[in-house]
Structures are given as structure tokens and as C-alpha cells.
Amino acid sequence: MRVSVHLNLPNLWKEHDVKQEKITKLMNKKNVKILRLEKENIFEVTNFKWLGPSEIEQIQDVYDVVVSLIKVENKYPQPEPEQK
């Protein structure tokens, strides 16, 4: 089974090396990978271990990483929208 979630995370990989290390450790622990899509701030969070863990474990791993990413993203100020 493949579990995949797309997230808009504009601050995720901007000059935050400590944050990147923590995210990488979490990804490895939870058997999840994060791919940056062609759109600038869109990331895909997906499981990479399809055989072995149950469906519930796979969904829970992706969910845990998504929640952690959102918490990290919300710690940093959001960019101001452009005014016209």
C-alpha cells in the first residue's frame, strides 16, 4: 500500500539546517520520504516501506510525519501576501 500526502510548506527548507536534520531523523525512523514537487513549496510525504508493516502502521507513520512538519512550519512566520 502507498500512502501519500501533498503539503504546501513555504518555510520548510529555507536556511534551517537544524530543522532539516530533525526532519531527516524523523523520516528515517518512520520509513517515510519527503519529495519536493515541481511547484515551489509543494512537498509530497509518502511511505517507502510497502511490505512488512500493516496498513495502519503505514498510515500512522505518514500521519506522524505530516503533523510534525506542520508544527515545524508553523513555528516560523508566514510570508506576507503580495499586495496589488
PDB file of N, CA and C in Angstrom:
ATOM      1  N   MET A   1       0.837  -1.176   0.000  1.00  0.00           N
ATOM      2  CA  MET A   1       0.000   0.000   0.000  1.00  0.00           C
ATOM      3  C   MET A   1       0.883   1.240   0.000  1.00  0.00           C
ATOM      4  N   ARG A   2       0.455   2.243  -0.728  1.00  0.00           N
ATOM      5  CA  ARG A   2       1.181   3.510  -0.766  1.00  0.00           C
ATOM      6  C   ARG A   2       0.302   4.592  -0.160  1.00  0.00           C
ATOM      7  N   VAL A   3       0.881   5.354   0.763  1.00  0.00           N
ATOM      8  CA  VAL A   3       0.196   6.477   1.396  1.00  0.00           C
ATOM      9  C   VAL A   3       0.923   7.735   0.960  1.00  0.00           C
ATOM     10  N   SER A   4       0.184   8.742   0.506  1.00  0.00           N
ATOM     11  CA  SER A   4       0.816   9.959   0.002  1.00  0.00           C
ATOM     12  C   SER A   4      -0.023  11.174   0.383  1.00  0.00           C
ATOM     13  N   VAL A   5       0.677  12.236   0.824  1.00  0.00           N
ATOM     14  CA  VAL A   5       0.021  13.488   1.197  1.00  0.00           C
ATOM     15  C   VAL A   5       0.812  14.626   0.572  1.00  0.00           C
ATOM     16  N   HIS A   6       0.125  15.612  -0.003  1.00  0.00           N
ATOM     17  CA  HIS A   6       0.784  16.803  -0.543  1.00  0.00           C
ATOM     18  C   HIS A   6       0.549  17.966   0.411  1.00  0.00           C
ATOM     19  N   LEU A   7       1.635  18.695   0.700  1.00  0.00           N
ATOM     20  CA  LEU A   7       1.563  19.823   1.638  1.00  0.00           C
ATOM     21  C   LEU A   7       2.211  21.055   1.030  1.00  0.00           C
ATOM     22  N   ASN A   8       1.648  22.209   1.305  1.00  0.00           N
ATOM     23  CA  ASN A   8       2.259  23.481   0.929  1.00  0.00           C
ATOM     24  C   ASN A   8       3.017  23.986   2.158  1.00  0.00           C
ATOM     25  N   LEU A   9       4.352  23.948   2.092  1.00  0.00           N
ATOM     26  CA  LEU A   9       5.193  24.311   3.237  1.00  0.00           C
ATOM     27  C   LEU A   9       6.254  25.321   2.785  1.00  0.00           C
ATOM     28  N   PRO A  10       5.920  26.594   2.718  1.00  0.00           N
ATOM     29  CA  PRO A  10       6.852  27.578   2.175  1.00  0.00           C
ATOM     30  C   PRO A  10       8.114  27.801   3.005  1.00  0.00           C
ATOM     31  N   ASN A  11       8.074  27.542   4.310  1.00  0.00           N
ATOM     32  CA  ASN A  11       9.241  27.808   5.152  1.00  0.00           C
ATOM     33  C   ASN A  11      10.051  26.567   5.491  1.00  0.00           C
ATOM     34  N   LEU A  12       9.661  25.427   4.991  1.00  0.00           N
ATOM     35  CA  LEU A  12      10.230  24.171   5.458  1.00  0.00           C
ATOM     36  C   LEU A  12      11.733  24.053   5.248  1.00  0.00           C
ATOM     37  N   TRP A  13      12.231  24.338   4.061  1.00  0.00           N
ATOM     38  CA  TRP A  13      13.652  24.102   3.800  1.00  0.00           C
ATOM     39  C   TRP A  13      14.432  25.399   3.603  1.00  0.00           C
ATOM     40  N   LYS A  14      13.972  26.477   4.169  1.00  0.00           N
ATOM     41  CA  LYS A  14      14.655  27.756   3.975  1.00  0.00           C
ATOM     42  C   LYS A  14      15.665  28.004   5.093  1.00  0.00           C
ATOM     43  N   GLU A  15      16.913  27.715   4.831  1.00  0.00           N
ATOM     44  CA  GLU A  15      18.021  28.101   5.716  1.00  0.00           C
ATOM     45  C   GLU A  15      17.856  27.634   7.163  1.00  0.00           C
ATOM     46  N   HIS A  16      17.323  26.477   7.365  1.00  0.00           N
ATOM     47  CA  HIS A  16      17.150  25.959   8.716  1.00  0.00           C
ATOM     48  C   HIS A  16      17.785  24.575   8.803  1.00  0.00           C
ATOM     49  N   ASP A  17      19.109  24.525   8.914  1.00  0.00           N
ATOM     50  CA  ASP A  17      19.838  23.261   8.902  1.00  0.00           C
ATOM     51  C   ASP A  17      19.465  22.360  10.074  1.00  0.00           C
ATOM     52  N   VAL A  18      19.277  22.926  11.252  1.00  0.00           N
ATOM     53  CA  VAL A  18      18.918  22.120  12.420  1.00  0.00           C
ATOM     54  C   VAL A  18      17.567  21.460  12.186  1.00  0.00           C
ATOM     55  N   LYS A  19      16.657  22.219  11.627  1.00  0.00           N
ATOM     56  CA  LYS A  19      15.324  21.706  11.330  1.00  0.00           C
ATOM     57  C   LYS A  19      15.421  20.564  10.317  1.00  0.00           C
ATOM     58  N   GLN A  20      16.266  20.703   9.325  1.00  0.00           N
ATOM     59  CA  GLN A  20      16.420  19.662   8.310  1.00  0.00           C
ATOM     60  C   GLN A  20      16.947  18.369   8.915  1.00  0.00           C
ATOM     61  N   GLU A  21      17.893  18.465   9.842  1.00  0.00           N
ATOM     62  CA  GLU A  21      18.444  17.273  10.481  1.00  0.00           C
ATOM     63  C   GLU A  21      17.373  16.543  11.282  1.00  0.00           C
ATOM     64  N   LYS A  22      16.561  17.280  12.028  1.00  0.00           N
ATOM     65  CA  LYS A  22      15.495  16.662  12.819  1.00  0.00           C
ATOM     66  C   LYS A  22      14.471  15.989  11.912  1.00  0.00           C
ATOM     67  N   ILE A  23      14.136  16.639  10.821  1.00  0.00           N
ATOM     68  CA  ILE A  23      13.172  16.074   9.881  1.00  0.00           C
ATOM     69  C   ILE A  23      13.730  14.814   9.238  1.00  0.00           C
ATOM     70  N   THR A  24      15.004  14.827   8.875  1.00  0.00           N
ATOM     71  CA  THR A  24      15.628  13.650   8.277  1.00  0.00           C
ATOM     72  C   THR A  24      15.629  12.478   9.243  1.00  0.00           C
ATOM     73  N   LYS A  25      15.945  12.723  10.514  1.00  0.00           N
ATOM     74  CA  LYS A  25      15.914  11.648  11.516  1.00  0.00           C
ATOM     75  C   LYS A  25      14.503  11.086  11.664  1.00  0.00           C
ATOM     76  N   LEU A  26      13.512  11.957  11.698  1.00  0.00           N
ATOM     77  CA  LEU A  26      12.127  11.517  11.820  1.00  0.00           C
ATOM     78  C   LEU A  26      11.712  10.696  10.601  1.00  0.00           C
ATOM     79  N   MET A  27      12.104  11.140   9.418  1.00  0.00           N
ATOM     80  CA  MET A  27      11.768  10.416   8.194  1.00  0.00           C
ATOM     81  C   MET A  27      12.349   9.006   8.230  1.00  0.00           C
ATOM     82  N   ASN A  28      13.597   8.880   8.622  1.00  0.00           N
ATOM     83  CA  ASN A  28      14.239   7.572   8.668  1.00  0.00           C
ATOM     84  C   ASN A  28      13.594   6.665   9.712  1.00  0.00           C
ATOM     85  N   LYS A  29      13.230   7.229  10.851  1.00  0.00           N
ATOM     86  CA  LYS A  29      12.607   6.456  11.931  1.00  0.00           C
ATOM     87  C   LYS A  29      11.236   5.940  11.512  1.00  0.00           C
ATOM     88  N   LYS A  30      10.499   6.734  10.766  1.00  0.00           N
ATOM     89  CA  LYS A  30       9.123   6.404  10.395  1.00  0.00           C
ATOM     90  C   LYS A  30       8.998   5.766   9.007  1.00  0.00           C
ATOM     91  N   ASN A  31      10.108   5.485   8.318  1.00  0.00           N
ATOM     92  CA  ASN A  31      10.064   4.877   6.976  1.00  0.00           C
ATOM     93  C   ASN A  31       9.260   5.716   5.991  1.00  0.00           C
ATOM     94  N   VAL A  32       9.497   7.023   6.028  1.00  0.00           N
ATOM     95  CA  VAL A  32       8.774   7.977   5.192  1.00  0.00           C
ATOM     96  C   VAL A  32       9.779   8.825   4.435  1.00  0.00           C
ATOM     97  N   LYS A  33       9.421   9.229   3.220  1.00  0.00           N
ATOM     98  CA  LYS A  33      10.285  10.153   2.483  1.00  0.00           C
ATOM     99  C   LYS A  33       9.483  11.381   2.088  1.00  0.00           C
ATOM    100  N   ILE A  34      10.211  12.473   1.926  1.00  0.00           N
ATOM    101  CA  ILE A  34       9.596  13.737   1.538  1.00  0.00           C
ATOM    102  C   ILE A  34      10.217  14.151   0.210  1.00  0.00           C
ATOM    103  N   LEU A  35       9.373  14.372  -0.774  1.00  0.00           N
ATOM    104  CA  LEU A  35       9.818  14.783  -2.098  1.00  0.00           C
ATOM    105  C   LEU A  35       9.317  16.183  -2.381  1.00  0.00           C
ATOM    106  N   ARG A  36      10.193  17.012  -2.920  1.00  0.00           N
ATOM    107  CA  ARG A  36       9.760  18.346  -3.325  1.00  0.00           C
ATOM    108  C   ARG A  36       9.261  18.257  -4.756  1.00  0.00           C
ATOM    109  N   LEU A  37       8.035  18.668  -4.964  1.00  0.00           N
ATOM    110  CA  LEU A  37       7.446  18.602  -6.291  1.00  0.00           C
ATOM    111  C   LEU A  37       7.875  19.808  -7.116  1.00  0.00           C
ATOM    112  N   GLU A  38       7.514  19.810  -8.380  1.00  0.00           N
ATOM    113  CA  GLU A  38       7.942  20.886  -9.281  1.00  0.00           C
ATOM    114  C   GLU A  38       7.440  22.254  -8.841  1.00  0.00           C
ATOM    115  N   LYS A  39       6.277  22.292  -8.226  1.00  0.00           N
ATOM    116  CA  LYS A  39       5.789  23.575  -7.723  1.00  0.00           C
ATOM    117  C   LYS A  39       6.658  23.970  -6.543  1.00  0.00           C
ATOM    118  N   GLU A  40       6.877  25.236  -6.361  1.00  0.00           N
ATOM    119  CA  GLU A  40       7.894  25.755  -5.455  1.00  0.00           C
ATOM    120  C   GLU A  40       7.813  25.249  -4.018  1.00  0.00           C
ATOM    121  N   ASN A  41       6.676  25.293  -3.385  1.00  0.00           N
ATOM    122  CA  ASN A  41       6.587  24.964  -1.960  1.00  0.00           C
ATOM    123  C   ASN A  41       5.748  23.724  -1.678  1.00  0.00           C
ATOM    124  N   ILE A  42       5.518  22.908  -2.675  1.00  0.00           N
ATOM    125  CA  ILE A  42       4.682  21.721  -2.504  1.00  0.00           C
ATOM    126  C   ILE A  42       5.570  20.512  -2.268  1.00  0.00           C
ATOM    127  N   PHE A  43       5.274  19.789  -1.195  1.00  0.00           N
ATOM    128  CA  PHE A  43       6.032  18.599  -0.834  1.00  0.00           C
ATOM    129  C   PHE A  43       5.093  17.410  -0.773  1.00  0.00           C
ATOM    130  N   GLU A  44       5.608  16.251  -1.186  1.00  0.00           N
ATOM    131  CA  GLU A  44       4.856  15.008  -1.074  1.00  0.00           C
ATOM    132  C   GLU A  44       5.477  14.175   0.036  1.00  0.00           C
ATOM    133  N   VAL A  45       4.665  13.775   0.997  1.00  0.00           N
ATOM    134  CA  VAL A  45       5.097  12.911   2.081  1.00  0.00           C
ATOM    135  C   VAL A  45       4.528  11.531   1.771  1.00  0.00           C
ATOM    136  N   THR A  46       5.400  10.528   1.665  1.00  0.00           N
ATOM    137  CA  THR A  46       4.950   9.194   1.289  1.00  0.00           C
ATOM    138  C   THR A  46       5.740   8.129   2.028  1.00  0.00           C
ATOM    139  N   ASN A  47       5.135   6.975   2.220  1.00  0.00           N
ATOM    140  CA  ASN A  47       5.841   5.862   2.851  1.00  0.00           C
ATOM    141  C   ASN A  47       6.720   5.179   1.797  1.00  0.00           C
ATOM    142  N   PHE A  48       7.849   4.628   2.221  1.00  0.00           N
ATOM    143  CA  PHE A  48       8.689   3.907   1.270  1.00  0.00           C
ATOM    144  C   PHE A  48       8.845   2.441   1.629  1.00  0.00           C
ATOM    145  N   LYS A  49       8.283   2.036   2.725  1.00  0.00           N
ATOM    146  CA  LYS A  49       8.318   0.631   3.106  1.00  0.00           C
ATOM    147  C   LYS A  49       6.913   0.074   2.917  1.00  0.00           C
ATOM    148  N   TRP A  50       6.683  -0.577   1.779  1.00  0.00           N
ATOM    149  CA  TRP A  50       5.341  -1.015   1.417  1.00  0.00           C
ATOM    150  C   TRP A  50       5.020  -2.405   1.940  1.00  0.00           C
ATOM    151  N   LEU A  51       6.021  -3.249   2.070  1.00  0.00           N
ATOM    152  CA  LEU A  51       5.802  -4.605   2.553  1.00  0.00           C
ATOM    153  C   LEU A  51       6.316  -4.725   3.973  1.00  0.00           C
ATOM    154  N   GLY A  52       5.595  -5.462   4.790  1.00  0.00           N
ATOM    155  CA  GLY A  52       6.028  -5.656   6.173  1.00  0.00           C
ATOM    156  C   GLY A  52       5.081  -5.013   7.158  1.00  0.00           C
ATOM    157  N   PRO A  53       5.134  -3.673   7.284  1.00  0.00           N
ATOM    158  CA  PRO A  53       4.236  -3.020   8.246  1.00  0.00           C
ATOM    159  C   PRO A  53       2.777  -3.140   7.801  1.00  0.00           C
ATOM    160  N   SER A  54       1.869  -3.160   8.776  1.00  0.00           N
ATOM    161  CA  SER A  54       0.440  -3.205   8.440  1.00  0.00           C
ATOM    162  C   SER A  54       0.004  -1.872   7.835  1.00  0.00           C
ATOM    163  N   GLU A  55      -1.172  -1.877   7.254  1.00  0.00           N
ATOM    164  CA  GLU A  55      -1.713  -0.650   6.662  1.00  0.00           C
ATOM    165  C   GLU A  55      -1.875   0.438   7.724  1.00  0.00           C
ATOM    166  N   ILE A  56      -2.292   0.040   8.900  1.00  0.00           N
ATOM    167  CA  ILE A  56      -2.472   1.009   9.989  1.00  0.00           C
ATOM    168  C   ILE A  56      -1.140   1.642  10.368  1.00  0.00           C
ATOM    169  N   GLU A  57      -0.083   0.832  10.464  1.00  0.00           N
ATOM    170  CA  GLU A  57       1.246   1.361  10.796  1.00  0.00           C
ATOM    171  C   GLU A  57       1.742   2.306   9.710  1.00  0.00           C
ATOM    172  N   GLN A  58       1.518   1.969   8.442  1.00  0.00           N
ATOM    173  CA  GLN A  58       1.965   2.824   7.343  1.00  0.00           C
ATOM    174  C   GLN A  58       1.252   4.168   7.362  1.00  0.00           C
ATOM    175  N   ILE A  59      -0.052   4.141   7.560  1.00  0.00           N
ATOM    176  CA  ILE A  59      -0.820   5.388   7.621  1.00  0.00           C
ATOM    177  C   ILE A  59      -0.403   6.208   8.838  1.00  0.00           C
ATOM    178  N   GLN A  60      -0.205   5.560   9.981  1.00  0.00           N
ATOM    179  CA  GLN A  60       0.198   6.265  11.205  1.00  0.00           C
ATOM    180  C   GLN A  60       1.555   6.915  11.043  1.00  0.00           C
ATOM    181  N   ASP A  61       2.508   6.236  10.389  1.00  0.00           N
ATOM    182  CA  ASP A  61       3.841   6.807  10.169  1.00  0.00           C
ATOM    183  C   ASP A  61       3.761   8.079   9.337  1.00  0.00           C
ATOM    184  N   VAL A  62       3.006   8.034   8.234  1.00  0.00           N
ATOM    185  CA  VAL A  62       2.859   9.222   7.384  1.00  0.00           C
ATOM    186  C   VAL A  62       2.144  10.321   8.152  1.00  0.00           C
ATOM    187  N   TYR A  63       1.109   9.980   8.879  1.00  0.00           N
ATOM    188  CA  TYR A  63       0.373  10.964   9.679  1.00  0.00           C
ATOM    189  C   TYR A  63       1.294  11.647  10.692  1.00  0.00           C
ATOM    190  N   ASP A  64       2.104  10.860  11.402  1.00  0.00           N
ATOM    191  CA  ASP A  64       3.014  11.424  12.411  1.00  0.00           C
ATOM    192  C   ASP A  64       3.982  12.421  11.789  1.00  0.00           C
ATOM    193  N   VAL A  65       4.517  12.085  10.623  1.00  0.00           N
ATOM    194  CA  VAL A  65       5.459  12.982   9.950  1.00  0.00           C
ATOM    195  C   VAL A  65       4.739  14.244   9.471  1.00  0.00           C
ATOM    196  N   VAL A  66       3.553  14.108   8.911  1.00  0.00           N
ATOM    197  CA  VAL A  66       2.794  15.279   8.444  1.00  0.00           C
ATOM    198  C   VAL A  66       2.501  16.228   9.601  1.00  0.00           C
ATOM    199  N   VAL A  67       2.066  15.697  10.721  1.00  0.00           N
ATOM    200  CA  VAL A  67       1.781  16.536  11.896  1.00  0.00           C
ATOM    201  C   VAL A  67       3.053  17.248  12.368  1.00  0.00           C
ATOM    202  N   SER A  68       4.172  16.529  12.392  1.00  0.00           N
ATOM    203  CA  SER A  68       5.448  17.137  12.806  1.00  0.00           C
ATOM    204  C   SER A  68       5.876  18.234  11.843  1.00  0.00           C
ATOM    205  N   LEU A  69       5.717  18.010  10.549  1.00  0.00           N
ATOM    206  CA  LEU A  69       6.089  19.020   9.555  1.00  0.00           C
ATOM    207  C   LEU A  69       5.238  20.276   9.702  1.00  0.00           C
ATOM    208  N   ILE A  70       3.963  20.098   9.944  1.00  0.00           N
ATOM    209  CA  ILE A  70       3.078  21.254  10.119  1.00  0.00           C
ATOM    210  C   ILE A  70       3.460  22.042  11.372  1.00  0.00           C
ATOM    211  N   LYS A  71       3.807  21.344  12.449  1.00  0.00           N
ATOM    212  CA  LYS A  71       4.248  22.024  13.670  1.00  0.00           C
ATOM    213  C   LYS A  71       5.517  22.827  13.417  1.00  0.00           C
ATOM    214  N   VAL A  72       6.474  22.240  12.701  1.00  0.00           N
ATOM    215  CA  VAL A  72       7.723  22.943  12.390  1.00  0.00           C
ATOM    216  C   VAL A  72       7.435  24.145  11.501  1.00  0.00           C
ATOM    217  N   GLU A  73       6.603  23.964  10.499  1.00  0.00           N
ATOM    218  CA  GLU A  73       6.256  25.052   9.576  1.00  0.00           C
ATOM    219  C   GLU A  73       5.610  26.209  10.323  1.00  0.00           C
ATOM    220  N   ASN A  74       4.748  25.921  11.268  1.00  0.00           N
ATOM    221  CA  ASN A  74       4.019  26.969  11.988  1.00  0.00           C
ATOM    222  C   ASN A  74       4.874  27.724  13.001  1.00  0.00           C
ATOM    223  N   LYS A  75       6.063  27.235  13.298  1.00  0.00           N
ATOM    224  CA  LYS A  75       6.958  27.944  14.219  1.00  0.00           C
ATOM    225  C   LYS A  75       7.585  29.176  13.577  1.00  0.00           C
ATOM    226  N   TYR A  76       7.573  29.237  12.269  1.00  0.00           N
ATOM    227  CA  TYR A  76       8.211  30.334  11.552  1.00  0.00           C
ATOM    228  C   TYR A  76       7.145  31.248  10.961  1.00  0.00           C
ATOM    229  N   PRO A  77       7.424  32.543  10.896  1.00  0.00           N
ATOM    230  CA  PRO A  77       6.424  33.486  10.391  1.00  0.00           C
ATOM    231  C   PRO A  77       6.106  33.199   8.917  1.00  0.00           C
ATOM    232  N   GLN A  78       4.846  33.372   8.602  1.00  0.00           N
ATOM    233  CA  GLN A  78       4.397  33.160   7.230  1.00  0.00           C
ATOM    234  C   GLN A  78       4.722  34.393   6.389  1.00  0.00           C
ATOM    235  N   PRO A  79       5.082  34.198   5.115  1.00  0.00           N
ATOM    236  CA  PRO A  79       5.369  35.350   4.264  1.00  0.00           C
ATOM    237  C   PRO A  79       4.100  36.176   4.020  1.00  0.00           C
ATOM    238  N   GLU A  80       4.302  37.468   3.912  1.00  0.00           N
ATOM    239  CA  GLU A  80       3.181  38.372   3.656  1.00  0.00           C
ATOM    240  C   GLU A  80       2.737  38.225   2.203  1.00  0.00           C
ATOM    241  N   PRO A  81       1.427  38.183   1.946  1.00  0.00           N
ATOM    242  CA  PRO A  81       0.961  38.105   0.554  1.00  0.00           C
ATOM    243  C   PRO A  81       1.266  39.413  -0.167  1.00  0.00           C
ATOM    244  N   GLU A  82       1.513  39.272  -1.449  1.00  0.00           N
ATOM    245  CA  GLU A  82       1.806  40.467  -2.260  1.00  0.00           C
ATOM    246  C   GLU A  82       0.545  41.288  -2.445  1.00  0.00           C
ATOM    247  N   GLN A  83       0.695  42.606  -2.291  1.00  0.00           N
ATOM    248  CA  GLN A  83      -0.450  43.492  -2.481  1.00  0.00           C
ATOM    249  C   GLN A  83      -0.391  44.083  -3.871  1.00  0.00           C
ATOM    250  N   LYS A  84      -1.566  44.224  -4.465  1.00  0.00           N
ATOM    251  CA  LYS A  84      -1.620  44.761  -5.842  1.00  0.00           C
ATOM    252  C   LYS A  84      -2.212  46.137  -5.832  1.00  0.00           C
TER     253      LYS A  84
END
